[in-house]
Amino acid sequence: MNIARIPYIFLTLIGVFVLQEALINRINFLVGGFSIYLVLVIAWTLQEEPSNAMLIGFFAGFIADFSPTLESPFGLWTLILTGFCYFLATTVRGNLDPQLSPLQMTLVTASSSAALLILFIAVGAILGQELSSISILLTEIIGNTLWSLVLAPVYIPVTIKFYKLSLTARER
């Protein structure tokens, strides 16, 4: 990754995180909730090379660990997003078409957000984090996946636009 991209990516992630914490978390969704931050990170990762994706996952996880509503150990999001973004860029992205269609992006992003939340819950439980009941957890995961599918026509083009703006002239 070109060093000139790092401040832009970091500022974009911080901006979306502030939007998530200040606005999106205040909306009372019908079923579960929605995390624009997670789906933006996943959609952005699907565009990147593995080493860049791992760095973006690290930045995103580090920023997510500063959430005021988070009751998990500090560094858990960093660990999970770093590994998960690398997994997405190597395994999932390698098995998809070189030019992702909007339908592929939607399905992969929604299913990846569900898998990421399940992984976060499982690793948090292993580390001793207190969990809600299974029904509440399932409602949150299913709701997040449904809202990720419904709102995909909004956040996927925005993510691709931010990604293209982050590229240097040589990378385009």
N, C-alpha and C. Protein backbone atom coordinates (compact mmCIF):
# COMPACT_ATOMS: atom_id res chain seq x y z
N MET A 1 0.85 -1.17 0.00
CA MET A 1 0.00 0.00 0.00
C MET A 1 0.89 1.23 0.00
N ASN A 2 0.51 2.16 -0.80
CA ASN A 2 1.23 3.42 -0.85
C ASN A 2 0.99 4.17 0.45
N ILE A 3 2.04 4.73 1.00
CA ILE A 3 1.94 5.43 2.29
C ILE A 3 1.01 6.63 2.22
N ALA A 4 0.82 7.19 1.03
CA ALA A 4 -0.06 8.34 0.87
C ALA A 4 -1.53 7.97 1.08
N ARG A 5 -1.88 6.70 0.95
CA ARG A 5 -3.27 6.27 1.13
C ARG A 5 -3.65 6.12 2.60
N ILE A 6 -2.67 5.88 3.45
CA ILE A 6 -2.96 5.55 4.86
C ILE A 6 -3.74 6.65 5.57
N PRO A 7 -3.35 7.93 5.52
CA PRO A 7 -4.16 8.95 6.21
C PRO A 7 -5.59 9.04 5.68
N TYR A 8 -5.76 8.93 4.36
CA TYR A 8 -7.10 8.99 3.79
C TYR A 8 -7.96 7.83 4.30
N ILE A 9 -7.41 6.63 4.29
CA ILE A 9 -8.15 5.45 4.76
C ILE A 9 -8.49 5.59 6.23
N PHE A 10 -7.51 6.01 7.02
CA PHE A 10 -7.71 6.15 8.46
C PHE A 10 -8.79 7.20 8.75
N LEU A 11 -8.74 8.33 8.07
CA LEU A 11 -9.75 9.38 8.27
C LEU A 11 -11.13 8.93 7.80
N THR A 12 -11.19 8.17 6.71
CA THR A 12 -12.47 7.65 6.24
C THR A 12 -13.07 6.70 7.27
N LEU A 13 -12.24 5.81 7.79
CA LEU A 13 -12.73 4.87 8.80
C LEU A 13 -13.19 5.59 10.06
N ILE A 14 -12.45 6.59 10.49
CA ILE A 14 -12.86 7.36 11.67
C ILE A 14 -14.18 8.09 11.40
N GLY A 15 -14.31 8.67 10.21
CA GLY A 15 -15.56 9.37 9.87
C GLY A 15 -16.77 8.45 9.88
N VAL A 16 -16.61 7.27 9.30
CA VAL A 16 -17.73 6.31 9.27
C VAL A 16 -18.01 5.79 10.70
N PHE A 17 -16.96 5.62 11.49
CA PHE A 17 -17.16 5.17 12.87
C PHE A 17 -17.94 6.21 13.68
N VAL A 18 -17.59 7.47 13.51
CA VAL A 18 -18.32 8.54 14.21
C VAL A 18 -19.76 8.59 13.73
N LEU A 19 -19.99 8.43 12.42
CA LEU A 19 -21.34 8.37 11.88
C LEU A 19 -22.11 7.21 12.51
N GLN A 20 -21.46 6.06 12.63
CA GLN A 20 -22.09 4.88 13.23
C GLN A 20 -22.47 5.15 14.69
N GLU A 21 -21.52 5.67 15.46
CA GLU A 21 -21.76 5.87 16.89
C GLU A 21 -22.73 7.02 17.17
N ALA A 22 -22.66 8.07 16.38
CA ALA A 22 -23.47 9.25 16.65
C ALA A 22 -24.86 9.19 16.05
N LEU A 23 -25.02 8.50 14.92
CA LEU A 23 -26.30 8.54 14.23
C LEU A 23 -26.95 7.16 14.08
N ILE A 24 -26.25 6.24 13.47
CA ILE A 24 -26.84 4.93 13.14
C ILE A 24 -27.23 4.16 14.40
N ASN A 25 -26.41 4.20 15.44
CA ASN A 25 -26.74 3.48 16.68
C ASN A 25 -27.95 4.06 17.39
N ARG A 26 -28.34 5.27 17.07
CA ARG A 26 -29.49 5.91 17.71
C ARG A 26 -30.81 5.54 17.02
N ILE A 27 -30.72 4.96 15.82
CA ILE A 27 -31.92 4.58 15.09
C ILE A 27 -32.42 3.25 15.63
N ASN A 28 -33.70 3.18 15.90
CA ASN A 28 -34.30 1.95 16.40
C ASN A 28 -34.79 1.13 15.21
N PHE A 29 -33.94 0.20 14.75
CA PHE A 29 -34.30 -0.65 13.61
C PHE A 29 -35.34 -1.67 14.06
N LEU A 30 -36.15 -2.10 13.11
CA LEU A 30 -37.25 -3.01 13.40
C LEU A 30 -36.76 -4.33 14.00
N VAL A 31 -35.81 -4.95 13.36
CA VAL A 31 -35.24 -6.21 13.85
C VAL A 31 -33.74 -6.02 13.97
N GLY A 32 -33.22 -6.24 15.15
CA GLY A 32 -31.78 -6.14 15.32
C GLY A 32 -31.27 -4.73 15.11
N GLY A 33 -30.12 -4.62 14.52
CA GLY A 33 -29.51 -3.32 14.25
C GLY A 33 -28.73 -3.38 12.96
N PHE A 34 -28.04 -2.31 12.67
CA PHE A 34 -27.26 -2.25 11.44
C PHE A 34 -25.94 -1.56 11.73
N SER A 35 -24.86 -2.11 11.22
CA SER A 35 -23.55 -1.52 11.39
C SER A 35 -22.98 -1.13 10.04
N ILE A 36 -23.11 0.14 9.70
CA ILE A 36 -22.54 0.64 8.45
C ILE A 36 -21.02 0.52 8.49
N TYR A 37 -20.46 0.61 9.68
CA TYR A 37 -19.01 0.53 9.84
C TYR A 37 -18.50 -0.85 9.40
N LEU A 38 -19.13 -1.91 9.89
CA LEU A 38 -18.66 -3.25 9.54
C LEU A 38 -18.84 -3.56 8.05
N VAL A 39 -19.98 -3.20 7.50
CA VAL A 39 -20.19 -3.51 6.09
C VAL A 39 -19.29 -2.68 5.18
N LEU A 40 -18.98 -1.44 5.59
CA LEU A 40 -18.06 -0.64 4.80
C LEU A 40 -16.66 -1.26 4.83
N VAL A 41 -16.23 -1.72 6.00
CA VAL A 41 -14.91 -2.35 6.11
C VAL A 41 -14.87 -3.63 5.26
N ILE A 42 -15.92 -4.42 5.31
CA ILE A 42 -15.96 -5.67 4.53
C ILE A 42 -15.97 -5.36 3.04
N ALA A 43 -16.81 -4.43 2.62
CA ALA A 43 -16.89 -4.10 1.19
C ALA A 43 -15.57 -3.49 0.69
N TRP A 44 -14.92 -2.70 1.52
CA TRP A 44 -13.64 -2.12 1.14
C TRP A 44 -12.57 -3.21 1.04
N THR A 45 -12.59 -4.14 1.97
CA THR A 45 -11.62 -5.23 1.99
C THR A 45 -11.73 -6.09 0.74
N LEU A 46 -12.92 -6.27 0.24
CA LEU A 46 -13.11 -7.08 -0.96
C LEU A 46 -12.47 -6.44 -2.19
N GLN A 47 -12.13 -5.17 -2.14
CA GLN A 47 -11.50 -4.49 -3.25
C GLN A 47 -9.97 -4.54 -3.18
N GLU A 48 -9.42 -4.87 -2.01
CA GLU A 48 -7.99 -4.73 -1.75
C GLU A 48 -7.20 -6.02 -1.94
N GLU A 49 -5.88 -5.84 -2.00
CA GLU A 49 -4.93 -6.96 -1.97
C GLU A 49 -4.83 -7.46 -0.53
N PRO A 50 -4.38 -8.72 -0.32
CA PRO A 50 -4.35 -9.28 1.05
C PRO A 50 -3.56 -8.45 2.07
N SER A 51 -2.38 -7.96 1.72
CA SER A 51 -1.60 -7.20 2.70
C SER A 51 -2.28 -5.87 3.03
N ASN A 52 -2.88 -5.24 2.03
CA ASN A 52 -3.61 -4.00 2.28
C ASN A 52 -4.87 -4.26 3.10
N ALA A 53 -5.53 -5.37 2.82
CA ALA A 53 -6.75 -5.72 3.55
C ALA A 53 -6.45 -5.96 5.03
N MET A 54 -5.33 -6.60 5.29
CA MET A 54 -4.95 -6.86 6.68
C MET A 54 -4.67 -5.54 7.41
N LEU A 55 -4.03 -4.61 6.75
CA LEU A 55 -3.76 -3.31 7.36
C LEU A 55 -5.05 -2.53 7.59
N ILE A 56 -5.96 -2.59 6.65
CA ILE A 56 -7.25 -1.92 6.82
C ILE A 56 -8.04 -2.58 7.96
N GLY A 57 -7.99 -3.91 8.03
CA GLY A 57 -8.63 -4.60 9.14
C GLY A 57 -8.05 -4.20 10.48
N PHE A 58 -6.74 -4.02 10.54
CA PHE A 58 -6.11 -3.59 11.79
C PHE A 58 -6.58 -2.19 12.17
N PHE A 59 -6.55 -1.26 11.21
CA PHE A 59 -7.01 0.10 11.49
C PHE A 59 -8.48 0.11 11.93
N ALA A 60 -9.31 -0.63 11.20
CA ALA A 60 -10.74 -0.66 11.51
C ALA A 60 -10.99 -1.27 12.89
N GLY A 61 -10.28 -2.34 13.21
CA GLY A 61 -10.45 -2.95 14.52
C GLY A 61 -9.97 -2.06 15.64
N PHE A 62 -8.85 -1.38 15.41
CA PHE A 62 -8.32 -0.47 16.42
C PHE A 62 -9.30 0.65 16.70
N ILE A 63 -9.90 1.19 15.66
CA ILE A 63 -10.89 2.26 15.82
C ILE A 63 -12.15 1.71 16.51
N ALA A 64 -12.59 0.51 16.12
CA ALA A 64 -13.80 -0.07 16.71
C ALA A 64 -13.63 -0.38 18.19
N ASP A 65 -12.40 -0.64 18.63
CA ASP A 65 -12.17 -0.90 20.05
C ASP A 65 -12.43 0.31 20.92
N PHE A 66 -12.50 1.49 20.34
CA PHE A 66 -12.77 2.70 21.10
C PHE A 66 -14.26 3.02 21.23
N SER A 67 -15.12 2.09 20.84
CA SER A 67 -16.55 2.31 20.96
C SER A 67 -16.94 2.47 22.42
N PRO A 68 -17.70 3.51 22.74
CA PRO A 68 -18.08 3.71 24.15
C PRO A 68 -19.07 2.66 24.66
N THR A 69 -19.76 1.98 23.78
CA THR A 69 -20.74 0.98 24.22
C THR A 69 -20.16 -0.43 24.26
N LEU A 70 -18.89 -0.58 23.94
CA LEU A 70 -18.27 -1.89 23.86
C LEU A 70 -17.92 -2.40 25.25
N GLU A 71 -18.32 -3.62 25.55
CA GLU A 71 -18.02 -4.22 26.85
C GLU A 71 -17.12 -5.44 26.71
N SER A 72 -16.33 -5.46 25.66
CA SER A 72 -15.41 -6.58 25.45
C SER A 72 -13.99 -6.10 25.73
N PRO A 73 -13.05 -7.04 25.83
CA PRO A 73 -11.66 -6.64 26.07
C PRO A 73 -11.12 -5.78 24.94
N PHE A 74 -10.30 -4.80 25.32
CA PHE A 74 -9.71 -3.92 24.31
C PHE A 74 -8.77 -4.74 23.44
N GLY A 75 -8.88 -4.60 22.14
CA GLY A 75 -8.05 -5.33 21.21
C GLY A 75 -8.77 -6.49 20.55
N LEU A 76 -9.96 -6.83 21.04
CA LEU A 76 -10.70 -7.95 20.46
C LEU A 76 -11.12 -7.65 19.03
N TRP A 77 -11.67 -6.45 18.79
CA TRP A 77 -12.05 -6.09 17.43
C TRP A 77 -10.82 -6.01 16.53
N THR A 78 -9.71 -5.53 17.07
CA THR A 78 -8.48 -5.45 16.27
C THR A 78 -8.05 -6.84 15.83
N LEU A 79 -8.03 -7.76 16.75
CA LEU A 79 -7.63 -9.14 16.44
C LEU A 79 -8.57 -9.75 15.40
N ILE A 80 -9.86 -9.63 15.64
CA ILE A 80 -10.83 -10.29 14.77
C ILE A 80 -10.86 -9.66 13.38
N LEU A 81 -10.90 -8.34 13.31
CA LEU A 81 -10.97 -7.69 11.99
C LEU A 81 -9.68 -7.86 11.20
N THR A 82 -8.54 -7.89 11.86
CA THR A 82 -7.29 -8.10 11.12
C THR A 82 -7.29 -9.47 10.46
N GLY A 83 -7.60 -10.49 11.22
CA GLY A 83 -7.64 -11.85 10.66
C GLY A 83 -8.76 -12.04 9.66
N PHE A 84 -9.93 -11.50 9.94
CA PHE A 84 -11.08 -11.69 9.07
C PHE A 84 -10.89 -10.97 7.73
N CYS A 85 -10.33 -9.77 7.77
CA CYS A 85 -10.09 -9.04 6.51
C CYS A 85 -9.04 -9.75 5.67
N TYR A 86 -8.03 -10.31 6.31
CA TYR A 86 -7.04 -11.07 5.55
C TYR A 86 -7.69 -12.32 4.93
N PHE A 87 -8.54 -12.99 5.70
CA PHE A 87 -9.26 -14.16 5.20
C PHE A 87 -10.14 -13.78 4.00
N LEU A 88 -10.85 -12.67 4.11
CA LEU A 88 -11.71 -12.22 3.00
C LEU A 88 -10.90 -11.93 1.74
N ALA A 89 -9.78 -11.26 1.92
CA ALA A 89 -8.99 -10.86 0.74
C ALA A 89 -8.29 -12.05 0.09
N THR A 90 -7.92 -13.05 0.88
CA THR A 90 -7.21 -14.19 0.30
C THR A 90 -8.15 -15.27 -0.19
N THR A 91 -9.03 -15.72 0.65
CA THR A 91 -9.88 -16.86 0.33
C THR A 91 -11.13 -16.47 -0.44
N VAL A 92 -11.90 -15.57 0.09
CA VAL A 92 -13.19 -15.23 -0.52
C VAL A 92 -12.98 -14.45 -1.82
N ARG A 93 -12.15 -13.42 -1.78
CA ARG A 93 -11.93 -12.59 -2.96
C ARG A 93 -11.29 -13.40 -4.09
N GLY A 94 -10.44 -14.35 -3.74
CA GLY A 94 -9.80 -15.17 -4.76
C GLY A 94 -10.76 -16.10 -5.48
N ASN A 95 -11.86 -16.42 -4.85
CA ASN A 95 -12.84 -17.33 -5.45
C ASN A 95 -13.94 -16.60 -6.21
N LEU A 96 -13.94 -15.29 -6.19
CA LEU A 96 -14.96 -14.52 -6.90
C LEU A 96 -14.40 -14.01 -8.22
N ASP A 97 -15.29 -13.48 -9.04
CA ASP A 97 -14.87 -12.89 -10.31
C ASP A 97 -13.95 -11.71 -10.05
N PRO A 98 -13.03 -11.44 -10.97
CA PRO A 98 -12.14 -10.28 -10.79
C PRO A 98 -12.91 -8.96 -10.66
N GLN A 99 -13.95 -8.78 -11.44
CA GLN A 99 -14.80 -7.61 -11.30
C GLN A 99 -16.07 -8.02 -10.57
N LEU A 100 -16.18 -7.64 -9.31
CA LEU A 100 -17.32 -8.04 -8.50
C LEU A 100 -18.60 -7.36 -9.01
N SER A 101 -19.63 -8.16 -9.18
CA SER A 101 -20.92 -7.59 -9.54
C SER A 101 -21.59 -7.07 -8.27
N PRO A 102 -22.55 -6.16 -8.40
CA PRO A 102 -23.25 -5.66 -7.21
C PRO A 102 -23.95 -6.77 -6.41
N LEU A 103 -24.48 -7.78 -7.11
CA LEU A 103 -25.13 -8.88 -6.41
C LEU A 103 -24.12 -9.68 -5.59
N GLN A 104 -22.95 -9.95 -6.17
CA GLN A 104 -21.91 -10.66 -5.43
C GLN A 104 -21.48 -9.85 -4.21
N MET A 105 -21.26 -8.56 -4.40
CA MET A 105 -20.84 -7.70 -3.28
C MET A 105 -21.89 -7.70 -2.19
N THR A 106 -23.16 -7.65 -2.56
CA THR A 106 -24.23 -7.63 -1.58
C THR A 106 -24.26 -8.93 -0.77
N LEU A 107 -24.25 -10.05 -1.47
CA LEU A 107 -24.33 -11.34 -0.78
C LEU A 107 -23.10 -11.61 0.08
N VAL A 108 -21.93 -11.32 -0.45
CA VAL A 108 -20.70 -11.57 0.32
C VAL A 108 -20.62 -10.63 1.52
N THR A 109 -20.99 -9.39 1.34
CA THR A 109 -20.94 -8.44 2.44
C THR A 109 -21.92 -8.80 3.55
N ALA A 110 -23.13 -9.15 3.19
CA ALA A 110 -24.14 -9.50 4.20
C ALA A 110 -23.77 -10.77 4.94
N SER A 111 -23.35 -11.80 4.20
CA SER A 111 -22.99 -13.06 4.87
C SER A 111 -21.70 -12.89 5.69
N SER A 112 -20.79 -12.07 5.21
CA SER A 112 -19.55 -11.84 5.96
C SER A 112 -19.81 -11.06 7.24
N SER A 113 -20.74 -10.13 7.20
CA SER A 113 -21.05 -9.39 8.44
C SER A 113 -21.65 -10.32 9.48
N ALA A 114 -22.49 -11.27 9.04
CA ALA A 114 -23.05 -12.24 9.99
C ALA A 114 -21.94 -13.14 10.54
N ALA A 115 -21.06 -13.61 9.67
CA ALA A 115 -19.95 -14.46 10.12
C ALA A 115 -19.03 -13.70 11.06
N LEU A 116 -18.78 -12.44 10.78
CA LEU A 116 -17.91 -11.62 11.62
C LEU A 116 -18.52 -11.43 13.01
N LEU A 117 -19.82 -11.18 13.08
CA LEU A 117 -20.47 -11.03 14.38
C LEU A 117 -20.46 -12.34 15.16
N ILE A 118 -20.68 -13.46 14.48
CA ILE A 118 -20.64 -14.76 15.16
C ILE A 118 -19.24 -15.03 15.69
N LEU A 119 -18.23 -14.73 14.89
CA LEU A 119 -16.84 -14.90 15.32
C LEU A 119 -16.52 -14.01 16.52
N PHE A 120 -16.98 -12.77 16.49
CA PHE A 120 -16.77 -11.86 17.61
C PHE A 120 -17.41 -12.38 18.89
N ILE A 121 -18.62 -12.90 18.77
CA ILE A 121 -19.32 -13.43 19.94
C ILE A 121 -18.59 -14.67 20.47
N ALA A 122 -18.17 -15.56 19.57
CA ALA A 122 -17.50 -16.79 19.99
C ALA A 122 -16.16 -16.50 20.67
N VAL A 123 -15.36 -15.64 20.08
CA VAL A 123 -14.06 -15.33 20.69
C VAL A 123 -14.26 -14.55 21.99
N GLY A 124 -15.23 -13.66 22.02
CA GLY A 124 -15.54 -12.96 23.26
C GLY A 124 -15.98 -13.90 24.37
N ALA A 125 -16.76 -14.90 24.02
CA ALA A 125 -17.19 -15.89 25.02
C ALA A 125 -16.01 -16.71 25.53
N ILE A 126 -15.09 -17.05 24.62
CA ILE A 126 -13.89 -17.78 25.03
C ILE A 126 -13.05 -16.96 26.00
N LEU A 127 -13.00 -15.65 25.78
CA LEU A 127 -12.23 -14.77 26.65
C LEU A 127 -12.97 -14.38 27.93
N GLY A 128 -14.18 -14.87 28.10
CA GLY A 128 -14.91 -14.64 29.34
C GLY A 128 -15.88 -13.48 29.33
N GLN A 129 -16.21 -12.97 28.19
CA GLN A 129 -17.16 -11.88 28.08
C GLN A 129 -18.56 -12.40 28.38
N GLU A 130 -19.33 -11.63 29.14
CA GLU A 130 -20.70 -12.02 29.42
C GLU A 130 -21.55 -11.82 28.17
N LEU A 131 -22.42 -12.79 27.89
CA LEU A 131 -23.25 -12.75 26.69
C LEU A 131 -24.72 -12.62 27.05
N SER A 132 -25.48 -12.09 26.12
CA SER A 132 -26.93 -12.06 26.26
C SER A 132 -27.49 -13.44 25.95
N SER A 133 -28.80 -13.54 25.99
CA SER A 133 -29.42 -14.83 25.67
C SER A 133 -29.25 -15.13 24.19
N ILE A 134 -29.40 -16.39 23.84
CA ILE A 134 -29.25 -16.82 22.45
C ILE A 134 -30.26 -16.12 21.55
N SER A 135 -31.48 -15.95 22.02
CA SER A 135 -32.51 -15.32 21.19
C SER A 135 -32.15 -13.86 20.87
N ILE A 136 -31.61 -13.14 21.82
CA ILE A 136 -31.21 -11.75 21.57
C ILE A 136 -30.05 -11.70 20.59
N LEU A 137 -29.07 -12.59 20.77
CA LEU A 137 -27.92 -12.63 19.87
C LEU A 137 -28.34 -12.99 18.45
N LEU A 138 -29.22 -13.98 18.32
CA LEU A 138 -29.70 -14.36 16.99
C LEU A 138 -30.50 -13.24 16.33
N THR A 139 -31.31 -12.54 17.11
CA THR A 139 -32.07 -11.42 16.57
C THR A 139 -31.13 -10.34 16.04
N GLU A 140 -30.08 -10.04 16.79
CA GLU A 140 -29.11 -9.03 16.36
C GLU A 140 -28.38 -9.44 15.09
N ILE A 141 -27.95 -10.70 15.03
CA ILE A 141 -27.21 -11.19 13.86
C ILE A 141 -28.10 -11.24 12.64
N ILE A 142 -29.30 -11.78 12.79
CA ILE A 142 -30.24 -11.87 11.66
C ILE A 142 -30.67 -10.47 11.22
N GLY A 143 -30.93 -9.59 12.17
CA GLY A 143 -31.32 -8.22 11.84
C GLY A 143 -30.21 -7.48 11.11
N ASN A 144 -28.98 -7.63 11.58
CA ASN A 144 -27.85 -6.98 10.92
C ASN A 144 -27.68 -7.51 9.49
N THR A 145 -27.85 -8.81 9.31
CA THR A 145 -27.73 -9.40 7.97
C THR A 145 -28.84 -8.90 7.05
N LEU A 146 -30.06 -8.85 7.54
CA LEU A 146 -31.18 -8.36 6.72
C LEU A 146 -31.00 -6.90 6.34
N TRP A 147 -30.60 -6.06 7.30
CA TRP A 147 -30.40 -4.66 6.99
C TRP A 147 -29.21 -4.46 6.06
N SER A 148 -28.22 -5.33 6.16
CA SER A 148 -27.08 -5.27 5.23
C SER A 148 -27.54 -5.57 3.81
N LEU A 149 -28.46 -6.52 3.67
CA LEU A 149 -29.00 -6.83 2.35
C LEU A 149 -29.87 -5.70 1.81
N VAL A 150 -30.71 -5.15 2.67
CA VAL A 150 -31.66 -4.11 2.24
C VAL A 150 -30.93 -2.81 1.88
N LEU A 151 -29.93 -2.44 2.66
CA LEU A 151 -29.26 -1.16 2.46
C LEU A 151 -28.03 -1.25 1.55
N ALA A 152 -27.81 -2.40 0.94
CA ALA A 152 -26.66 -2.59 0.05
C ALA A 152 -26.63 -1.61 -1.12
N PRO A 153 -27.77 -1.27 -1.73
CA PRO A 153 -27.70 -0.30 -2.84
C PRO A 153 -27.20 1.08 -2.42
N VAL A 154 -27.18 1.35 -1.13
CA VAL A 154 -26.69 2.63 -0.64
C VAL A 154 -25.20 2.56 -0.31
N TYR A 155 -24.81 1.57 0.50
CA TYR A 155 -23.43 1.59 1.01
C TYR A 155 -22.41 0.99 0.06
N ILE A 156 -22.78 0.11 -0.85
CA ILE A 156 -21.78 -0.47 -1.77
C ILE A 156 -21.25 0.57 -2.76
N PRO A 157 -22.10 1.35 -3.44
CA PRO A 157 -21.53 2.38 -4.33
C PRO A 157 -20.70 3.43 -3.57
N VAL A 158 -21.12 3.77 -2.36
CA VAL A 158 -20.37 4.75 -1.57
C VAL A 158 -19.00 4.17 -1.20
N THR A 159 -18.96 2.91 -0.81
CA THR A 159 -17.69 2.27 -0.47
C THR A 159 -16.76 2.21 -1.67
N ILE A 160 -17.28 1.83 -2.81
CA ILE A 160 -16.46 1.76 -4.02
C ILE A 160 -15.94 3.15 -4.39
N LYS A 161 -16.76 4.17 -4.21
CA LYS A 161 -16.33 5.55 -4.49
C LYS A 161 -15.20 5.96 -3.54
N PHE A 162 -15.34 5.68 -2.24
CA PHE A 162 -14.28 5.99 -1.28
C PHE A 162 -13.01 5.22 -1.60
N TYR A 163 -13.16 3.96 -1.99
CA TYR A 163 -12.00 3.15 -2.34
C TYR A 163 -11.26 3.75 -3.54
N LYS A 164 -11.99 4.12 -4.57
CA LYS A 164 -11.37 4.69 -5.77
C LYS A 164 -10.72 6.04 -5.48
N LEU A 165 -11.32 6.81 -4.57
CA LEU A 165 -10.72 8.09 -4.20
C LEU A 165 -9.42 7.90 -3.43
N SER A 166 -9.29 6.77 -2.74
CA SER A 166 -8.08 6.53 -1.95
C SER A 166 -6.90 6.09 -2.80
N LEU A 167 -7.17 5.63 -4.00
CA LEU A 167 -6.09 5.14 -4.86
C LEU A 167 -5.24 6.31 -5.38
N THR A 168 -3.95 6.07 -5.47
CA THR A 168 -3.08 7.07 -6.08
C THR A 168 -3.15 6.93 -7.59
N ALA A 169 -2.59 7.87 -8.30
CA ALA A 169 -2.64 7.84 -9.77
C ALA A 169 -1.95 6.60 -10.33
N ARG A 170 -0.92 6.16 -9.69
CA ARG A 170 -0.19 4.97 -10.13
C ARG A 170 -1.01 3.70 -9.92
N GLU A 171 -1.80 3.65 -8.87
CA GLU A 171 -2.60 2.45 -8.55
C GLU A 171 -3.85 2.35 -9.41
N ARG A 172 -4.31 3.46 -9.96
CA ARG A 172 -5.52 3.42 -10.79
C ARG A 172 -5.20 2.75 -12.07
